[in-house]
Amino acid sequence: MEGVYLRGERPEIWLGLRPLTRRVFNCAHELGHHVFGHGSTLDELQEESEAEGVFKPDEYLVNTFAAHLLMPRLAVASAFSVRSWKVEAVTPEQCFVVACGLGVGYETLANHLAYGLRLAGGSVADQLLRTKLPAIRRGLLGAQSTDRLTVIDRHYTLQVADTEVGTGVLLPAGTLVEDGRLASAVDTPRGRLIQVARPGVVRAHSPDGNWAVLIRAMPHQYVGLGWCRHLAREEGDDE
């Protein structure tokens, strides 16, 4: 499944074991069902071809709600502006970096730029929608590319970044990473690449102290209560 919304005196949202950025969108989607007063729903995992076969007004409504909640026009425009990038000429790599900054998936932002906000069109939109994540990761890191990657640059606006154990995190060159027991670091031509080895919180900051971020890592495909997801595991704990 993608997710479940249970309506009741104490409403609940359950999320399926999907990639982290997809779970973010699914959570906003299920929240939309609550905001618009829908009954309990179970959103099944479907292929795109199956999902596009039948128009469902409620699903379209909450998808639109989720997209504009997570990627409002002002936030998207600002993310490109502070990096001196033109959204109407965005490249796949730039779209990926901005998507990481907004906490959403690359394809989610690419589709929103093309169809939701209509800020990218023509050949630019075609290239965004045609390019796949493995190619972007290889372009950023070459042979050092990881299966899962997020980018945190100096324009990242949040104080906290969520990730999963085993996901590569590409930081600005020279970034200092505290608590070497939790994360290993290696320098690449595009910046410092770290990989968090186990759940917990790692602080990364620039040498001059003008920039810092807390990186919270949860187990890959974590199952459990949301507020527990970043707690460090002690020897003997159940996984």
Protein backbone atom coordinates (compact mmCIF):
# COMPACT_ATOMS: atom_id res chain seq x y z
CA MET A 1 0.00 0.00 0.00
CA GLU A 2 0.93 3.66 -0.29
CA GLY A 3 -0.87 4.76 2.87
CA VAL A 4 -3.99 4.59 5.02
CA TYR A 5 -6.13 7.32 6.59
CA LEU A 6 -8.34 6.16 9.46
CA ARG A 7 -11.04 8.64 10.36
CA GLY A 8 -12.26 8.60 13.93
CA GLU A 9 -12.14 10.42 17.24
CA ARG A 10 -8.37 10.02 17.10
CA PRO A 11 -7.49 10.00 13.36
CA GLU A 12 -4.45 8.01 12.27
CA ILE A 13 -2.18 7.92 9.22
CA TRP A 14 -0.31 4.73 8.37
CA LEU A 15 2.39 4.74 5.70
CA GLY A 16 3.61 1.84 3.58
CA LEU A 17 7.27 0.86 3.19
CA ARG A 18 8.03 3.18 0.29
CA PRO A 19 11.14 5.32 -0.35
CA LEU A 20 11.52 8.07 2.26
CA THR A 21 10.61 11.00 0.00
CA ARG A 22 7.58 9.07 -1.26
CA ARG A 23 6.43 8.55 2.33
CA VAL A 24 6.64 12.32 2.85
CA PHE A 25 4.28 12.89 -0.09
CA ASN A 26 2.00 10.04 0.98
CA CYS A 27 1.72 11.52 4.47
CA ALA A 28 0.63 14.86 2.98
CA HIS A 29 -1.79 12.98 0.71
CA GLU A 30 -3.43 11.20 3.64
CA LEU A 31 -3.53 14.47 5.59
CA GLY A 32 -5.50 15.88 2.65
CA HIS A 33 -8.17 13.20 3.17
CA HIS A 34 -8.49 14.46 6.75
CA VAL A 35 -8.56 18.16 5.83
CA PHE A 36 -11.31 17.67 3.26
CA GLY A 37 -13.46 15.49 5.49
CA HIS A 38 -13.14 12.24 3.56
CA GLY A 39 -13.87 8.89 5.16
CA SER A 40 -11.29 6.25 5.98
CA THR A 41 -9.26 5.35 2.88
CA LEU A 42 -6.65 2.81 1.84
CA ASP A 43 -4.48 3.91 -1.09
CA GLU A 44 -3.14 0.87 -2.87
CA LEU A 45 0.26 0.71 -4.53
CA GLN A 46 -0.39 0.86 -8.29
CA GLU A 47 1.60 1.12 -11.47
CA GLU A 48 1.34 4.56 -13.13
CA SER A 49 -0.58 3.07 -16.07
CA GLU A 50 -3.17 1.62 -13.67
CA ALA A 51 -3.42 4.80 -11.60
CA GLU A 52 -4.07 6.93 -14.68
CA GLY A 53 -6.87 4.67 -15.97
CA VAL A 54 -9.74 6.09 -13.87
CA PHE A 55 -10.19 9.69 -12.73
CA LYS A 56 -10.98 9.88 -9.02
CA PRO A 57 -11.93 13.43 -7.92
CA ASP A 58 -11.07 12.91 -4.24
CA GLU A 59 -7.65 11.48 -5.09
CA TYR A 60 -6.93 14.33 -7.52
CA LEU A 61 -7.95 16.82 -4.82
CA VAL A 62 -5.68 15.42 -2.12
CA ASN A 63 -2.77 14.95 -4.55
CA THR A 64 -3.06 18.62 -5.49
CA PHE A 65 -3.28 19.56 -1.81
CA ALA A 66 -0.14 17.54 -1.02
CA ALA A 67 1.82 19.03 -3.91
CA HIS A 68 1.05 22.64 -2.98
CA LEU A 69 1.55 21.97 0.74
CA LEU A 70 5.05 20.54 0.21
CA MET A 71 6.06 22.60 -2.84
CA PRO A 72 4.28 25.98 -2.75
CA ARG A 73 5.14 28.32 -5.60
CA LEU A 74 6.98 30.83 -3.38
CA ALA A 75 9.14 28.15 -1.78
CA VAL A 76 10.03 26.60 -5.13
CA ALA A 77 10.82 29.97 -6.71
CA SER A 78 12.94 30.97 -3.71
CA ALA A 79 14.87 27.68 -3.78
CA PHE A 80 15.96 28.33 -7.36
CA SER A 81 16.53 32.07 -6.82
CA VAL A 82 18.93 31.72 -3.85
CA ARG A 83 21.04 29.33 -5.95
CA SER A 84 21.00 31.74 -8.93
CA TRP A 85 19.30 29.11 -11.09
CA LYS A 86 16.55 29.88 -13.59
CA VAL A 87 13.59 27.58 -13.04
CA GLU A 88 12.48 27.92 -16.67
CA ALA A 89 15.85 26.45 -17.73
CA VAL A 90 16.31 23.99 -14.87
CA THR A 91 18.54 20.96 -15.41
CA PRO A 92 17.79 17.52 -13.91
CA GLU A 93 20.68 17.89 -11.47
CA GLN A 94 19.41 21.27 -10.27
CA CYS A 95 15.89 19.88 -9.91
CA PHE A 96 17.28 17.02 -7.80
CA VAL A 97 19.17 19.39 -5.47
CA VAL A 98 16.06 21.57 -4.96
CA ALA A 99 13.90 18.46 -4.40
CA CYS A 100 16.31 17.37 -1.65
CA GLY A 101 16.02 20.81 -0.07
CA LEU A 102 12.22 20.59 -0.09
CA GLY A 103 12.22 17.03 1.23
CA VAL A 104 10.41 15.58 -1.78
CA GLY A 105 11.36 13.18 -4.54
CA TYR A 106 12.94 14.21 -7.83
CA GLU A 107 10.05 12.95 -9.97
CA THR A 108 7.54 14.60 -7.63
CA LEU A 109 9.14 18.02 -8.11
CA ALA A 110 9.71 17.50 -11.84
CA ASN A 111 6.04 16.72 -12.39
CA HIS A 112 4.99 19.67 -10.20
CA LEU A 113 7.20 22.06 -12.18
CA ALA A 114 5.77 20.80 -15.46
CA TYR A 115 2.10 20.27 -14.67
CA GLY A 116 1.27 21.86 -11.30
CA LEU A 117 3.15 25.16 -11.28
CA ARG A 118 3.82 25.17 -15.05
CA LEU A 119 7.19 26.82 -14.49
CA ALA A 120 9.04 24.41 -16.79
CA GLY A 121 7.79 23.58 -20.24
CA GLY A 122 8.77 22.34 -23.68
CA SER A 123 12.11 20.60 -24.02
CA VAL A 124 13.07 21.50 -20.42
CA ALA A 125 10.08 19.63 -19.01
CA ASP A 126 10.67 16.73 -21.40
CA GLN A 127 14.26 16.38 -20.20
CA LEU A 128 13.23 16.52 -16.51
CA LEU A 129 10.60 13.84 -16.95
CA ARG A 130 12.82 11.65 -19.11
CA THR A 131 15.90 11.68 -16.83
CA LYS A 132 16.09 9.01 -14.15
CA LEU A 133 17.66 9.18 -10.69
CA PRO A 134 20.54 6.71 -11.33
CA ALA A 135 21.81 8.96 -14.14
CA ILE A 136 21.66 12.03 -11.87
CA ARG A 137 23.52 10.25 -9.07
CA ARG A 138 26.21 9.08 -11.50
CA GLY A 139 26.54 12.63 -12.84
CA LEU A 140 27.09 13.94 -9.32
CA LEU A 141 29.41 11.26 -7.96
CA GLY A 142 30.55 9.02 -10.81
CA ALA A 143 31.98 5.74 -9.51
CA GLN A 144 31.28 6.85 -5.92
CA SER A 145 27.55 7.00 -6.58
CA THR A 146 25.29 5.31 -4.02
CA ASP A 147 21.94 3.59 -4.52
CA ARG A 148 20.28 6.24 -2.33
CA LEU A 149 21.48 9.85 -2.18
CA THR A 150 20.40 13.18 -0.78
CA VAL A 151 22.14 16.54 -1.27
CA ILE A 152 22.43 19.18 1.43
CA ASP A 153 24.07 22.37 0.21
CA ARG A 154 24.71 25.74 1.90
CA HIS A 155 21.28 26.97 0.78
CA TYR A 156 19.47 24.19 2.65
CA THR A 157 17.03 26.22 4.77
CA LEU A 158 15.94 23.73 7.44
CA GLN A 159 17.93 23.10 10.61
CA VAL A 160 17.24 19.35 10.42
CA ALA A 161 17.54 16.87 7.53
CA ASP A 162 15.95 13.43 7.70
CA THR A 163 17.54 10.43 6.04
CA GLU A 164 17.92 6.66 6.41
CA VAL A 165 20.82 4.46 7.39
CA GLY A 166 22.74 3.54 4.24
CA THR A 167 21.78 6.67 2.31
CA GLY A 168 24.63 8.83 1.04
CA VAL A 169 24.50 12.51 2.06
CA LEU A 170 26.46 14.92 -0.15
CA LEU A 171 27.55 18.00 1.80
CA PRO A 172 29.55 21.09 0.81
CA ALA A 173 33.31 20.60 0.52
CA GLY A 174 35.11 20.99 3.83
CA THR A 175 32.05 20.27 5.96
CA LEU A 176 32.94 18.97 9.43
CA VAL A 177 30.94 16.02 10.71
CA GLU A 178 30.71 15.32 14.44
CA ASP A 179 30.52 11.87 16.04
CA GLY A 180 32.57 9.72 13.69
CA ARG A 181 31.08 6.61 15.29
CA LEU A 182 27.79 7.25 13.51
CA ALA A 183 28.99 8.45 10.11
CA SER A 184 31.96 7.96 7.81
CA ALA A 185 33.06 10.70 5.40
CA VAL A 186 34.95 10.76 2.10
CA ASP A 187 35.84 13.75 -0.08
CA THR A 188 34.65 13.84 -3.71
CA PRO A 189 35.02 16.45 -6.48
CA ARG A 190 31.45 17.57 -5.70
CA GLY A 191 31.76 17.81 -1.92
CA ARG A 192 32.02 15.67 1.18
CA LEU A 193 30.03 12.44 1.02
CA ILE A 194 28.97 10.90 4.30
CA GLN A 195 27.12 7.70 5.06
CA VAL A 196 25.42 7.23 8.41
CA ALA A 197 26.08 3.73 9.68
CA ARG A 198 23.37 3.46 12.32
CA PRO A 199 20.32 5.37 13.64
CA GLY A 200 20.98 8.59 15.48
CA VAL A 201 21.66 12.29 15.02
CA VAL A 202 24.82 13.76 13.51
CA ARG A 203 25.72 17.45 13.41
CA ALA A 204 27.45 18.77 10.28
CA HIS A 205 28.79 22.32 10.03
CA SER A 206 31.12 24.55 8.08
CA PRO A 207 34.61 25.27 9.52
CA ASP A 208 33.71 28.95 10.04
CA GLY A 209 30.54 28.05 11.96
CA ASN A 210 28.26 30.04 9.66
CA TRP A 211 26.34 26.99 8.47
CA ALA A 212 25.15 23.85 10.25
CA VAL A 213 22.53 21.12 9.98
CA LEU A 214 21.43 18.19 12.13
CA ILE A 215 21.20 14.97 10.13
CA ARG A 216 18.75 12.51 11.66
CA ALA A 217 19.04 8.94 10.41
CA MET A 218 16.37 6.28 10.88
CA PRO A 219 16.73 2.58 10.02
CA HIS A 220 16.12 1.74 6.37
CA GLN A 221 12.40 0.98 5.91
CA TYR A 222 11.76 1.71 9.58
CA VAL A 223 8.62 0.21 11.10
CA GLY A 224 7.25 1.82 14.26
CA LEU A 225 6.09 5.06 15.81
CA GLY A 226 7.28 8.17 13.98
CA TRP A 227 8.70 9.90 17.05
CA CYS A 228 10.98 6.91 17.77
CA ARG A 229 12.49 6.63 14.31
CA HIS A 230 15.79 8.42 15.05
CA LEU A 231 16.50 6.92 18.46
CA ALA A 232 19.91 5.30 18.68
CA ARG A 233 19.82 1.53 19.05
CA GLU A 234 21.58 -0.11 22.00
CA GLU A 235 23.10 -3.57 21.82
CA GLY A 236 20.35 -6.15 22.30
CA ASP A 237 17.51 -3.89 21.10
CA ASP A 238 14.97 -5.43 18.77
CA GLU A 239 15.35 -4.18 15.19
